[in-house]
Every structure is written in C-alpha cells, then in structure tokens.
C-alpha cells in the first residue's frame, strides 16, 4: 500500500512527427499495431507493482480527455494536470508533495509513459528491489541500463564499487553525462562502469522532498505552499499559480547531478525509450532485407532495404529503390528522410510551423 507510481505523460513527441502531433502525441499512439498505446502498456506494467489507486498520471491539462479515454479506470484525483510545460522537476515536485499528503510513508517510482520493456518480469523485479531499498534509506535511486552499443542518443551514468548498505547491486553514482559524441560513447562502453540513463527514478517521498528543499529551494517552497490544497477542489487553482512561478528545469540537472545520495541499480530488461524513429525501427519486426513496415498489408517494396515505413492502413504504397529511409504518412502529411539524418526531424517541424502555422503540427 506504500508503493506509488508517477507516470509522466506530458510530452509532445515532436521527433515522431507527423504521426505524433501536439493534439495527439506519441504516448497515446499504438506504434507497433499491438492493440495498446504506449501509455496503456506503461499503466498495465505498473499494475503489477502498485495498487490501481496508487498510480498517478502527470500530463498537460489539454490531454486529460485522452487520458480518461485510454485509461478509463483512472480517477480524477489520479490525473495531475499541468497548465504549461515546465520540464520534469516541477511535475515531480507536484506529484511527490501531492502523494506525501496522502501517505507520508510512500515510496514512488517515477517513469516516462513512452518506454517499451521487453522483459516484464525483470523490470518488475528491478523496480520492486529498488522500492524496498528506497523505503529503508535516505537515497535517490535511478535505473541504469547496461549498454550493448555506443549509442549517442542516451545520457550515461558512471558508477563506482561503493554500494548502499548490504545491497551489493545498488551502486553509488559518480557522474552523469549528457548525450556524448561517438568516440566518448565508445570509451564509456569499453570502460564497463557506464550505464544508459533510463530516466526511471525510485525514492521515498521524504528523500525526494528533502532533495528539493536542499537543491531547488525556491521550487520546494512554491509547492510546500500547496499542502492544504492538494487532493482538494483548490488544487487546480493552486497549481495554475504555482507553475507560473516555476523555472523550466529537469530533475536530472536540478537534483540528480547535484545530490550526493544518488545510487543506481544496473539493469537489463529489454528497455527502449522510443525517442526517435530509429528506436521504433530497432524494436519492430523486419523482413529479410531489413525493412520494418507498419502496417504491412498494403505496402509493396521493390529493390528496397533497411527502411522504416509507417503509413495509413487504407493506402496502397509502392516503394522502389529506397535504401535506409524513413517513410511516414499521417495527418495529411508525408515525410521521407534518410534514417541517418532523422535528428533533423525536429528542425523540419520548426520550419513547417514557421511556414504554415499549426495546421500540420
């Protein structure tokens, strides 16, 4: 009963444009044609760890309708509506202090809504172990994924031999590194003491609220002022004012990189953060020449290989002579770009917005 989950579902997923749009972002989309959206899969995953009433969703207030539609069992008090985007630190401060008022003995796992996990039992085991440790320790725990390639798209965590009490698997964090260049990523992989930063955190409400008080005192003071408003009809009005005062800062930069009580549990459970079309390509089933086609019923490929194709079910699509391309059609928009240059999608979205306004965004 002391286990809680805070699922972050407020992003717009612009790297997955044109499928992901501002009004209908990636966490509400079934990318793999499995009958479940990313947020539905994430919610079901945490039902194995927490009571249903202890799972909270923090999202932009414009997505409340989508949350209720896709997660009909979620109560109104379990949806934390942000009036504006302010990065991860404010939403975690909000969630942590709201939950603390419900249960001062709570232990929270904070996780994004758009990750995929291939090995569910291993994931559940890692979360439960971390929550048990966090319940008895004044520490901030993060999950680190053992890297299998020198990926430049992830942040990295370096850890040392020092462990937390008698927990030989939970190591003291030495450094956090933002997305490195390829040479640095290769050296991280070779050293053996670096992990991918999964952006999944576990801590007691006492530990995280102490960390806010120490490292982000202004933000701590803002949300402490809402103690009497949380879980009442006054909460929405309080949050609307509080977010106006909050700085735009991530939990990584605001707390995790500064705190001296951060530990990591090295983990392996088939994790992907689904940050780009490349990550969808990696996860998707492919044909014998490396094409990942979703859905595949009416797509015909000729002399084409290693392509990521995502098109409407009712459209006949023929591709000839395409190698290493992303081909995506949705919302009256067709995008064709080289897989190696997909990092430019965010810039393309900005250009489209500048030229056409919000029509295609």
Protein backbone atom coordinates (compact mmCIF):
# COMPACT_ATOMS: atom_id res chain seq x y z
CA UNK A 1 0.00 0.00 0.00
CA UNK A 2 3.03 2.32 0.34
CA UNK A 3 4.08 1.83 -3.30
CA UNK A 4 3.12 4.57 -5.73
CA UNK A 5 3.81 5.22 -9.41
CA UNK A 6 4.03 8.65 -11.04
CA UNK A 7 3.83 8.31 -14.83
CA UNK A 8 4.98 11.34 -16.82
CA UNK A 9 2.83 11.79 -19.92
CA UNK A 10 3.04 15.44 -20.90
CA UNK A 11 5.45 15.47 -23.85
CA UNK A 12 4.55 16.30 -27.45
CA UNK A 13 6.87 13.78 -29.15
CA UNK A 14 7.92 16.07 -31.99
CA UNK A 15 10.59 13.61 -33.21
CA UNK A 16 7.75 11.30 -34.29
CA UNK A 17 6.03 13.89 -36.44
CA UNK A 18 3.87 13.65 -38.50
CA UNK A 19 2.32 10.67 -36.66
CA UNK A 20 2.76 12.35 -33.28
CA UNK A 21 1.11 15.78 -33.16
CA UNK A 22 0.61 18.40 -30.49
CA UNK A 23 -3.06 17.40 -30.12
CA UNK A 24 -2.33 13.66 -30.17
CA UNK A 25 1.27 12.96 -29.06
CA UNK A 26 3.21 9.71 -29.14
CA UNK A 27 2.24 8.36 -25.70
CA UNK A 28 -1.34 7.94 -26.96
CA UNK A 29 -0.33 6.07 -30.14
CA UNK A 30 -0.05 2.33 -30.84
CA UNK A 31 3.18 2.37 -32.84
CA UNK A 32 3.56 -1.39 -33.19
CA UNK A 33 -0.02 -2.35 -34.05
CA UNK A 34 -0.39 -4.44 -30.87
CA UNK A 35 -3.74 -3.00 -29.77
CA UNK A 36 -2.28 -0.94 -26.90
CA UNK A 37 -0.88 2.57 -26.88
CA UNK A 38 2.37 3.37 -25.11
CA UNK A 39 0.64 4.85 -22.07
CA UNK A 40 -1.75 1.90 -21.80
CA UNK A 41 1.20 -0.50 -21.81
CA UNK A 42 3.01 1.57 -19.18
CA UNK A 43 -0.06 1.73 -16.93
CA UNK A 44 -0.63 -2.03 -17.16
CA UNK A 45 3.04 -2.62 -16.33
CA UNK A 46 2.70 -0.74 -13.06
CA UNK A 47 -0.47 -2.60 -12.07
CA UNK A 48 1.95 -5.46 -11.26
CA UNK A 49 3.73 -3.22 -8.76
CA UNK A 50 1.18 -0.80 -7.27
CA UNK A 51 -2.48 -0.77 -6.30
CA UNK A 52 -4.59 0.81 -9.09
CA UNK A 53 -5.48 3.77 -6.86
CA UNK A 54 -1.76 4.43 -6.24
CA UNK A 55 -0.92 5.08 -9.91
CA UNK A 56 -0.86 8.78 -10.84
CA UNK A 57 -0.51 10.34 -14.28
CA UNK A 58 1.03 13.79 -14.70
CA UNK A 59 0.18 15.34 -18.04
CA UNK A 60 -0.69 18.58 -19.78
CA UNK A 61 -4.21 19.70 -18.97
CA UNK A 62 -5.07 19.56 -22.70
CA UNK A 63 -4.56 15.76 -22.61
CA UNK A 64 -6.96 15.00 -19.74
CA UNK A 65 -9.60 13.78 -22.20
CA UNK A 66 -7.15 11.41 -23.90
CA UNK A 67 -6.02 10.05 -20.52
CA UNK A 68 -9.60 9.33 -19.46
CA UNK A 69 -10.39 7.76 -22.83
CA UNK A 70 -7.37 5.45 -22.85
CA UNK A 71 -7.23 4.76 -19.08
CA UNK A 72 -10.91 4.68 -18.07
CA UNK A 73 -10.15 3.28 -14.59
CA UNK A 74 -8.07 6.30 -13.57
CA UNK A 75 -9.84 8.58 -11.11
CA UNK A 76 -9.87 12.36 -11.45
CA UNK A 77 -7.61 12.77 -8.41
CA UNK A 78 -5.04 10.49 -10.06
CA UNK A 79 -4.59 12.85 -13.02
CA UNK A 80 -2.17 15.69 -12.29
CA UNK A 81 -2.89 18.36 -14.88
CA UNK A 82 -0.06 20.77 -15.71
CA UNK A 83 -1.18 24.17 -17.04
CA UNK A 84 2.07 24.57 -19.03
CA UNK A 85 5.23 22.65 -19.91
CA UNK A 86 7.94 23.20 -17.30
CA UNK A 87 10.18 20.11 -17.70
CA UNK A 88 10.45 17.23 -15.22
CA UNK A 89 11.45 18.89 -11.92
CA UNK A 90 8.17 20.80 -11.35
CA UNK A 91 5.98 17.83 -12.28
CA UNK A 92 7.93 15.55 -9.91
CA UNK A 93 7.75 18.15 -7.12
CA UNK A 94 3.99 18.39 -7.70
CA UNK A 95 3.48 14.62 -7.71
CA UNK A 96 5.76 13.95 -4.76
CA UNK A 97 4.14 16.52 -2.49
CA UNK A 98 0.62 15.54 -3.50
CA UNK A 99 1.36 11.89 -2.72
CA UNK A 100 3.13 12.82 0.53
CA UNK A 101 -0.11 14.41 1.74
CA UNK A 102 -1.94 11.15 1.01
CA UNK A 103 0.71 8.89 2.54
CA UNK A 104 3.84 10.18 4.31
CA UNK A 105 5.35 6.67 4.09
CA UNK A 106 5.00 6.49 0.32
CA UNK A 107 7.76 5.20 -1.95
CA UNK A 108 7.42 6.45 -5.53
CA UNK A 109 8.64 5.15 -8.86
CA UNK A 110 8.72 7.93 -11.46
CA UNK A 111 8.72 6.79 -15.09
CA UNK A 112 8.01 8.18 -18.56
CA UNK A 113 4.89 6.96 -20.37
CA UNK A 114 6.61 6.20 -23.69
CA UNK A 115 9.18 3.50 -22.93
CA UNK A 116 8.98 -0.10 -24.07
CA UNK A 117 10.06 -3.02 -21.90
CA UNK A 118 10.66 -6.41 -23.50
CA UNK A 119 11.29 -8.39 -20.28
CA UNK A 120 8.43 -7.51 -17.94
CA UNK A 121 9.41 -9.87 -15.06
CA UNK A 122 12.96 -8.46 -14.97
CA UNK A 123 11.56 -4.91 -14.97
CA UNK A 124 9.17 -5.66 -12.11
CA UNK A 125 11.98 -7.29 -10.13
CA UNK A 126 14.26 -4.25 -10.58
CA UNK A 127 11.52 -1.79 -9.55
CA UNK A 128 10.44 -3.82 -6.51
CA UNK A 129 14.03 -4.24 -5.33
CA UNK A 130 14.66 -0.51 -5.70
CA UNK A 131 11.45 0.37 -3.85
CA UNK A 132 12.35 -1.94 -0.96
CA UNK A 133 15.79 -0.29 -0.70
CA UNK A 134 14.38 3.24 -1.01
CA UNK A 135 11.82 2.57 1.73
CA UNK A 136 14.62 1.98 4.26
CA UNK A 137 17.21 4.50 3.02
CA UNK A 138 17.57 8.23 2.57
CA UNK A 139 18.65 7.86 -1.04
CA UNK A 140 17.65 8.64 -4.61
CA UNK A 141 17.77 5.59 -6.88
CA UNK A 142 17.82 5.52 -10.66
CA UNK A 143 17.81 2.55 -13.02
CA UNK A 144 20.78 2.25 -15.35
CA UNK A 145 20.61 0.07 -18.45
CA UNK A 146 23.67 -2.00 -19.35
CA UNK A 147 24.66 -0.67 -22.80
CA UNK A 148 25.16 -3.03 -25.74
CA UNK A 149 26.37 -0.41 -28.22
CA UNK A 150 27.98 3.06 -28.16
CA UNK A 151 24.71 4.99 -28.54
CA UNK A 152 24.96 8.80 -28.78
CA UNK A 153 21.24 9.29 -28.20
CA UNK A 154 21.25 8.46 -24.49
CA UNK A 155 22.64 10.05 -21.35
CA UNK A 156 25.12 7.96 -19.36
CA UNK A 157 25.60 7.20 -15.66
CA UNK A 158 29.03 6.30 -14.27
CA UNK A 159 29.04 4.28 -11.05
CA UNK A 160 31.68 3.13 -8.57
CA UNK A 161 32.18 0.00 -6.45
CA UNK A 162 30.68 1.58 -3.33
CA UNK A 163 27.28 0.03 -2.60
CA UNK A 164 24.31 1.05 -0.49
CA UNK A 165 24.42 -0.77 2.85
CA UNK A 166 24.14 -4.52 2.29
CA UNK A 167 22.68 -4.13 -1.19
CA UNK A 168 25.53 -5.29 -3.40
CA UNK A 169 23.64 -4.45 -6.61
CA UNK A 170 22.90 -0.80 -5.79
CA UNK A 171 25.97 1.33 -6.56
CA UNK A 172 26.93 4.90 -5.75
CA UNK A 173 26.69 7.20 -8.78
CA UNK A 174 29.89 9.06 -9.70
CA UNK A 175 28.83 11.19 -12.67
CA UNK A 176 26.01 11.89 -15.12
CA UNK A 177 26.93 12.67 -18.73
CA UNK A 178 24.55 14.12 -21.31
CA UNK A 179 24.42 12.61 -24.81
CA UNK A 180 28.11 12.10 -25.75
CA UNK A 181 29.80 12.07 -29.15
CA UNK A 182 30.58 8.70 -30.72
CA UNK A 183 34.19 8.49 -29.54
CA UNK A 184 33.21 9.24 -25.96
CA UNK A 185 30.33 6.73 -26.14
CA UNK A 186 32.79 4.07 -27.34
CA UNK A 187 35.11 4.78 -24.40
CA UNK A 188 32.16 4.57 -21.99
CA UNK A 189 31.25 1.16 -23.38
CA UNK A 190 34.81 -0.12 -23.10
CA UNK A 191 35.26 1.06 -19.51
CA UNK A 192 32.44 -1.14 -18.23
CA UNK A 193 31.34 1.26 -15.48
CA UNK A 194 28.87 3.34 -17.51
CA UNK A 195 25.15 2.70 -17.95
CA UNK A 196 22.43 4.30 -20.07
CA UNK A 197 20.27 6.70 -18.10
CA UNK A 198 16.75 5.27 -18.35
CA UNK A 199 15.07 8.26 -16.71
CA UNK A 200 13.32 5.98 -14.19
CA UNK A 201 13.63 7.07 -10.56
CA UNK A 202 12.73 5.49 -7.22
CA UNK A 203 12.67 7.23 -3.84
CA UNK A 204 10.65 7.81 -0.70
CA UNK A 205 8.59 11.00 -0.55
CA UNK A 206 10.75 12.07 2.39
CA UNK A 207 14.01 11.64 0.45
CA UNK A 208 12.88 13.47 -2.68
CA UNK A 209 11.24 16.32 -0.79
CA UNK A 210 14.43 16.79 1.27
CA UNK A 211 16.38 16.87 -2.01
CA UNK A 212 14.07 19.59 -3.40
CA UNK A 213 14.49 21.61 -0.21
CA UNK A 214 18.30 21.39 -0.50
CA UNK A 215 18.89 21.73 -4.24
CA UNK A 216 15.81 23.55 -5.57
CA UNK A 217 14.67 25.51 -2.51
CA UNK A 218 12.55 28.01 -4.44
CA UNK A 219 10.59 25.24 -6.13
CA UNK A 220 10.25 23.38 -2.83
CA UNK A 221 8.81 26.50 -1.21
CA UNK A 222 6.36 27.03 -4.08
CA UNK A 223 4.86 23.53 -3.79
CA UNK A 224 5.03 23.37 0.00
CA UNK A 225 2.59 26.25 -0.10
CA UNK A 226 0.03 23.85 -1.56
CA UNK A 227 -0.10 21.41 1.33
CA UNK A 228 -3.65 22.34 2.25
CA UNK A 229 -4.76 22.50 -1.41
CA UNK A 230 -3.51 19.08 -2.59
CA UNK A 231 -6.27 16.49 -3.05
CA UNK A 232 -8.99 19.13 -2.63
CA UNK A 233 -11.04 21.26 -5.04
CA UNK A 234 -8.46 24.02 -4.53
CA UNK A 235 -5.63 22.01 -6.10
CA UNK A 236 -6.22 23.12 -9.71
CA UNK A 237 -6.19 26.82 -8.83
CA UNK A 238 -3.07 26.42 -6.70
CA UNK A 239 -1.19 24.56 -9.46
CA UNK A 240 -2.14 27.16 -12.07
CA UNK A 241 -0.43 29.82 -9.94
CA UNK A 242 2.48 27.61 -8.85
CA UNK A 243 3.55 26.73 -12.39
CA UNK A 244 3.72 30.42 -13.30
CA UNK A 245 6.46 30.75 -10.67
CA UNK A 246 8.44 27.59 -11.55
CA UNK A 247 11.65 27.61 -13.55
CA UNK A 248 11.92 25.25 -16.53
CA UNK A 249 14.40 22.65 -15.30
CA UNK A 250 14.86 18.89 -15.47
CA UNK A 251 15.10 16.65 -12.42
CA UNK A 252 18.48 15.43 -13.74
CA UNK A 253 20.03 18.90 -13.85
CA UNK A 254 18.17 20.29 -10.85
CA UNK A 255 18.74 17.46 -8.37
CA UNK A 256 20.28 14.19 -9.62
CA UNK A 257 23.55 15.76 -10.83
CA UNK A 258 23.96 17.72 -7.58
CA UNK A 259 22.87 15.31 -4.84
CA UNK A 260 25.44 13.14 -3.01
CA UNK A 261 23.00 10.36 -2.12
CA UNK A 262 22.26 9.10 -5.66
CA UNK A 263 22.57 5.38 -6.37
CA UNK A 264 21.98 3.26 -9.46
CA UNK A 265 20.75 -0.29 -9.99
CA UNK A 266 22.37 -1.75 -13.15
CA UNK A 267 19.52 -3.43 -15.03
CA UNK A 268 18.71 -5.46 -18.13
CA UNK A 269 15.08 -5.79 -19.18
CA UNK A 270 14.94 -5.01 -22.89
CA UNK A 271 14.47 -1.26 -22.49
CA UNK A 272 13.95 1.34 -25.22
CA UNK A 273 12.95 4.95 -24.65
CA UNK A 274 11.35 5.27 -28.10
CA UNK A 275 12.86 8.69 -28.60
CA UNK A 276 13.18 8.56 -32.39
CA UNK A 277 12.04 6.65 -35.45
CA UNK A 278 15.36 4.78 -35.22
CA UNK A 279 14.27 3.31 -31.89
CA UNK A 280 10.95 2.20 -33.43
CA UNK A 281 12.95 0.60 -36.25
CA UNK A 282 15.16 -1.24 -33.76
CA UNK A 283 12.12 -2.65 -31.91
CA UNK A 284 9.94 -3.51 -34.91
CA UNK A 285 9.82 -6.79 -36.81
CA UNK A 286 11.74 -6.63 -40.08
CA UNK A 287 11.69 -8.59 -43.32
CA UNK A 288 14.70 -10.45 -44.71
CA UNK A 289 16.26 -7.27 -46.15
CA UNK A 290 15.73 -5.17 -43.03
CA UNK A 291 12.51 -3.30 -43.86
CA UNK A 292 10.22 -2.52 -40.90
CA UNK A 293 6.76 -1.87 -42.32
CA UNK A 294 3.82 -0.93 -40.06
CA UNK A 295 1.21 -1.92 -41.09
CA UNK A 296 2.41 -4.19 -43.87
CA UNK A 297 -0.83 -5.27 -45.59
CA UNK A 298 -0.79 -2.76 -48.47
CA UNK A 299 2.87 -1.80 -48.79
CA UNK A 300 4.89 -3.25 -51.69
CA UNK A 301 8.69 -2.96 -51.61
CA UNK A 302 10.92 -3.37 -54.66
CA UNK A 303 14.71 -3.25 -54.50
CA UNK A 304 14.43 -1.55 -51.10
CA UNK A 305 16.15 -2.36 -47.82
CA UNK A 306 16.58 -1.18 -44.21
CA UNK A 307 13.62 1.21 -44.42
CA UNK A 308 11.25 2.31 -41.66
CA UNK A 309 7.75 2.61 -43.17
CA UNK A 310 4.66 3.76 -41.28
CA UNK A 311 1.64 4.58 -43.46
CA UNK A 312 -2.19 4.51 -43.22
CA UNK A 313 -3.83 1.08 -43.36
CA UNK A 314 -6.16 2.02 -46.22
CA UNK A 315 -3.45 3.30 -48.59
CA UNK A 316 -1.59 1.27 -51.20
CA UNK A 317 2.08 2.28 -51.07
CA UNK A 318 4.77 1.13 -53.51
CA UNK A 319 8.42 1.90 -52.80
CA UNK A 320 11.17 1.18 -55.30
CA UNK A 321 14.92 1.69 -54.94
CA UNK A 322 14.73 3.01 -51.36
CA UNK A 323 17.58 2.11 -49.00
CA UNK A 324 17.93 3.30 -45.38
CA UNK A 325 14.97 5.70 -45.49
CA UNK A 326 12.15 6.65 -43.17
CA UNK A 327 8.78 6.92 -44.95
CA UNK A 328 5.92 8.13 -42.78
CA UNK A 329 2.47 9.40 -43.72
CA UNK A 330 -0.15 10.69 -41.31
CA UNK A 331 -2.48 13.67 -40.86
CA UNK A 332 -2.33 14.77 -44.50
CA UNK A 333 1.48 14.89 -44.32
CA UNK A 334 4.13 12.73 -46.00
CA UNK A 335 7.69 12.65 -44.62
CA UNK A 336 10.56 10.94 -46.47
CA UNK A 337 14.03 11.31 -44.97
CA UNK A 338 17.26 9.37 -44.62
CA UNK A 339 17.43 7.27 -41.47
CA UNK A 340 20.91 8.60 -40.78
CA UNK A 341 19.58 12.16 -40.73
CA UNK A 342 16.43 11.72 -38.69
CA UNK A 343 17.73 14.03 -35.96
CA UNK A 344 16.72 16.81 -38.37
CA UNK A 345 13.01 16.00 -37.93
CA UNK A 346 12.74 18.44 -35.02
CA UNK A 347 14.16 21.21 -37.21
CA UNK A 348 11.77 20.28 -40.02
CA UNK A 349 8.83 20.55 -37.62
CA UNK A 350 10.01 24.04 -36.63
CA UNK A 351 10.25 25.06 -40.30
CA UNK A 352 6.77 23.69 -41.07
CA UNK A 353 5.34 25.59 -38.13
CA UNK A 354 7.04 28.79 -39.25
CA UNK A 355 5.66 28.44 -42.79
CA UNK A 356 2.17 27.02 -42.19
CA UNK A 357 1.43 27.80 -38.53
CA UNK A 358 -0.11 24.98 -36.51
CA UNK A 359 -2.04 23.48 -39.45
CA UNK A 360 0.21 20.43 -39.87
CA UNK A 361 1.66 20.32 -36.35
